[in-house]
Amino acid sequence: MKRICVIAAVAVMGLTTVACTQQEQRTAGYGVGGAALGALAGSAISGNKGHGALAGAAIGAAAGTVVGVAQTRNGVKYCNYRDRQGRMYQAPCN
């Protein structure tokens, strides 16, 4: 059963980026990564492993997608930089 779950997870990750733009692929990657981390955290925290993993995956996917979308504005990817005084600011990536 574990082998089938691993194969299914790899297939889902591969299919998330089929026929997508680079921005959509990045957003999907953040969503999948968030879901994976959320599932691990949810199953570790919860006493009920199945429900905790499911809830954690849902919350992680939503949070990861929001982070992925927030990194682009009008199709332009923004990165965090630090100036000489140590202040953080965002500007289009080089």
C-alpha atoms as a PDB file:
ATOM      1  CA  MET A   1       0.000   0.000   0.000  1.00  0.00           C
ATOM      2  CA  LYS A   2       2.856   2.365   0.833  1.00  0.00           C
ATOM      3  CA  ARG A   3       4.353   1.844  -2.617  1.00  0.00           C
ATOM      4  CA  ILE A   4       1.057   2.749  -4.312  1.00  0.00           C
ATOM      5  CA  CYS A   5       0.806   5.944  -2.255  1.00  0.00           C
ATOM      6  CA  VAL A   6       4.346   6.963  -3.232  1.00  0.00           C
ATOM      7  CA  ILE A   7       3.625   6.337  -6.917  1.00  0.00           C
ATOM      8  CA  ALA A   8       0.374   8.313  -6.681  1.00  0.00           C
ATOM      9  CA  ALA A   9       2.127  11.239  -4.953  1.00  0.00           C
ATOM     10  CA  VAL A  10       4.843  11.374  -7.617  1.00  0.00           C
ATOM     11  CA  ALA A  11       2.232  11.229 -10.381  1.00  0.00           C
ATOM     12  CA  VAL A  12       0.227  14.072  -8.838  1.00  0.00           C
ATOM     13  CA  MET A  13       3.354  16.216  -8.482  1.00  0.00           C
ATOM     14  CA  GLY A  14       4.237  15.589 -12.114  1.00  0.00           C
ATOM     15  CA  LEU A  15       0.755  16.354 -13.400  1.00  0.00           C
ATOM     16  CA  THR A  16       0.496  19.646 -11.512  1.00  0.00           C
ATOM     17  CA  THR A  17       2.832  21.360 -13.956  1.00  0.00           C
ATOM     18  CA  VAL A  18       1.645  19.943 -17.282  1.00  0.00           C
ATOM     19  CA  ALA A  19       0.815  22.691 -19.825  1.00  0.00           C
ATOM     20  CA  CYS A  20       1.441  25.531 -17.378  1.00  0.00           C
ATOM     21  CA  THR A  21       3.378  28.741 -17.673  1.00  0.00           C
ATOM     22  CA  GLN A  22       6.510  29.152 -15.589  1.00  0.00           C
ATOM     23  CA  GLN A  23       4.631  31.286 -13.060  1.00  0.00           C
ATOM     24  CA  GLU A  24       1.878  28.688 -12.743  1.00  0.00           C
ATOM     25  CA  GLN A  25       4.471  25.939 -12.316  1.00  0.00           C
ATOM     26  CA  ARG A  26       6.122  27.891  -9.505  1.00  0.00           C
ATOM     27  CA  THR A  27       2.772  28.466  -7.795  1.00  0.00           C
ATOM     28  CA  ALA A  28       1.860  24.783  -8.133  1.00  0.00           C
ATOM     29  CA  GLY A  29       5.241  23.820  -6.701  1.00  0.00           C
ATOM     30  CA  TYR A  30       4.659  25.976  -3.641  1.00  0.00           C
ATOM     31  CA  GLY A  31       1.189  24.453  -3.229  1.00  0.00           C
ATOM     32  CA  VAL A  32       2.468  20.874  -3.478  1.00  0.00           C
ATOM     33  CA  GLY A  33       5.368  21.611  -1.147  1.00  0.00           C
ATOM     34  CA  GLY A  34       3.043  23.250   1.356  1.00  0.00           C
ATOM     35  CA  ALA A  35       0.695  20.267   1.204  1.00  0.00           C
ATOM     36  CA  ALA A  36       3.547  17.832   1.838  1.00  0.00           C
ATOM     37  CA  LEU A  37       4.918  19.802   4.779  1.00  0.00           C
ATOM     38  CA  GLY A  38       1.415  20.345   6.154  1.00  0.00           C
ATOM     39  CA  ALA A  39       0.630  16.630   5.966  1.00  0.00           C
ATOM     40  CA  LEU A  40       3.835  15.774   7.826  1.00  0.00           C
ATOM     41  CA  ALA A  41       3.194  18.379  10.496  1.00  0.00           C
ATOM     42  CA  GLY A  42      -0.476  17.460  10.831  1.00  0.00           C
ATOM     43  CA  SER A  43       0.247  13.773  11.285  1.00  0.00           C
ATOM     44  CA  ALA A  44       3.017  14.502  13.786  1.00  0.00           C
ATOM     45  CA  ILE A  45       0.897  16.870  15.880  1.00  0.00           C
ATOM     46  CA  SER A  46      -2.442  15.087  15.737  1.00  0.00           C
ATOM     47  CA  GLY A  47      -3.325  11.992  17.698  1.00  0.00           C
ATOM     48  CA  ASN A  48      -5.494  10.838  14.775  1.00  0.00           C
ATOM     49  CA  LYS A  49      -2.901  10.399  12.024  1.00  0.00           C
ATOM     50  CA  GLY A  50      -5.279  10.261   9.041  1.00  0.00           C
ATOM     51  CA  HIS A  51      -7.378  13.285   9.896  1.00  0.00           C
ATOM     52  CA  GLY A  52      -4.382  15.301  11.075  1.00  0.00           C
ATOM     53  CA  ALA A  53      -2.474  14.621   7.877  1.00  0.00           C
ATOM     54  CA  LEU A  54      -5.486  15.507   5.742  1.00  0.00           C
ATOM     55  CA  ALA A  55      -6.140  18.766   7.581  1.00  0.00           C
ATOM     56  CA  GLY A  56      -2.441  19.654   7.553  1.00  0.00           C
ATOM     57  CA  ALA A  57      -2.202  18.973   3.827  1.00  0.00           C
ATOM     58  CA  ALA A  58      -5.208  21.187   3.083  1.00  0.00           C
ATOM     59  CA  ILE A  59      -3.897  24.057   5.194  1.00  0.00           C
ATOM     60  CA  GLY A  60      -0.353  23.649   3.838  1.00  0.00           C
ATOM     61  CA  ALA A  61      -1.536  23.599   0.216  1.00  0.00           C
ATOM     62  CA  ALA A  62      -3.542  26.783   0.709  1.00  0.00           C
ATOM     63  CA  ALA A  63      -0.658  28.535   2.461  1.00  0.00           C
ATOM     64  CA  GLY A  64       1.888  27.380  -0.131  1.00  0.00           C
ATOM     65  CA  THR A  65      -0.271  28.564  -2.997  1.00  0.00           C
ATOM     66  CA  VAL A  66      -0.748  31.971  -1.369  1.00  0.00           C
ATOM     67  CA  VAL A  67       3.016  32.299  -0.923  1.00  0.00           C
ATOM     68  CA  GLY A  68       3.623  31.261  -4.539  1.00  0.00           C
ATOM     69  CA  VAL A  69       1.128  33.795  -5.862  1.00  0.00           C
ATOM     70  CA  ALA A  70       2.441  36.548  -3.593  1.00  0.00           C
ATOM     71  CA  GLN A  71       5.921  36.304  -5.103  1.00  0.00           C
ATOM     72  CA  THR A  72       4.722  37.648  -8.448  1.00  0.00           C
ATOM     73  CA  ARG A  73       2.983  40.901  -9.272  1.00  0.00           C
ATOM     74  CA  ASN A  74       1.561  41.404 -12.747  1.00  0.00           C
ATOM     75  CA  GLY A  75       3.657  38.529 -14.041  1.00  0.00           C
ATOM     76  CA  VAL A  76       6.921  39.932 -12.626  1.00  0.00           C
ATOM     77  CA  LYS A  77       8.694  37.917  -9.932  1.00  0.00           C
ATOM     78  CA  TYR A  78       9.864  39.944  -6.939  1.00  0.00           C
ATOM     79  CA  CYS A  79      12.767  39.013  -4.679  1.00  0.00           C
ATOM     80  CA  ASN A  80      13.838  40.199  -1.234  1.00  0.00           C
ATOM     81  CA  TYR A  81      17.020  42.262  -1.041  1.00  0.00           C
ATOM     82  CA  ARG A  82      18.980  43.963   1.744  1.00  0.00           C
ATOM     83  CA  ASP A  83      20.492  47.421   1.285  1.00  0.00           C
ATOM     84  CA  ARG A  84      23.769  48.689   2.796  1.00  0.00           C
ATOM     85  CA  GLN A  85      22.034  49.801   5.985  1.00  0.00           C
ATOM     86  CA  GLY A  86      20.580  46.309   6.484  1.00  0.00           C
ATOM     87  CA  ARG A  87      16.988  47.198   5.555  1.00  0.00           C
ATOM     88  CA  MET A  88      14.956  44.659   3.592  1.00  0.00           C
ATOM     89  CA  TYR A  89      13.103  45.663   0.428  1.00  0.00           C
ATOM     90  CA  GLN A  90      11.479  43.968  -2.561  1.00  0.00           C
ATOM     91  CA  ALA A  91      12.346  44.584  -6.188  1.00  0.00           C
ATOM     92  CA  PRO A  92      12.052  42.669  -9.468  1.00  0.00           C
ATOM     93  CA  CYS A  93      14.490  39.745  -9.540  1.00  0.00           C
ATOM     94  CA  ASN A  94      17.632  40.059 -11.636  1.00  0.00           C
END
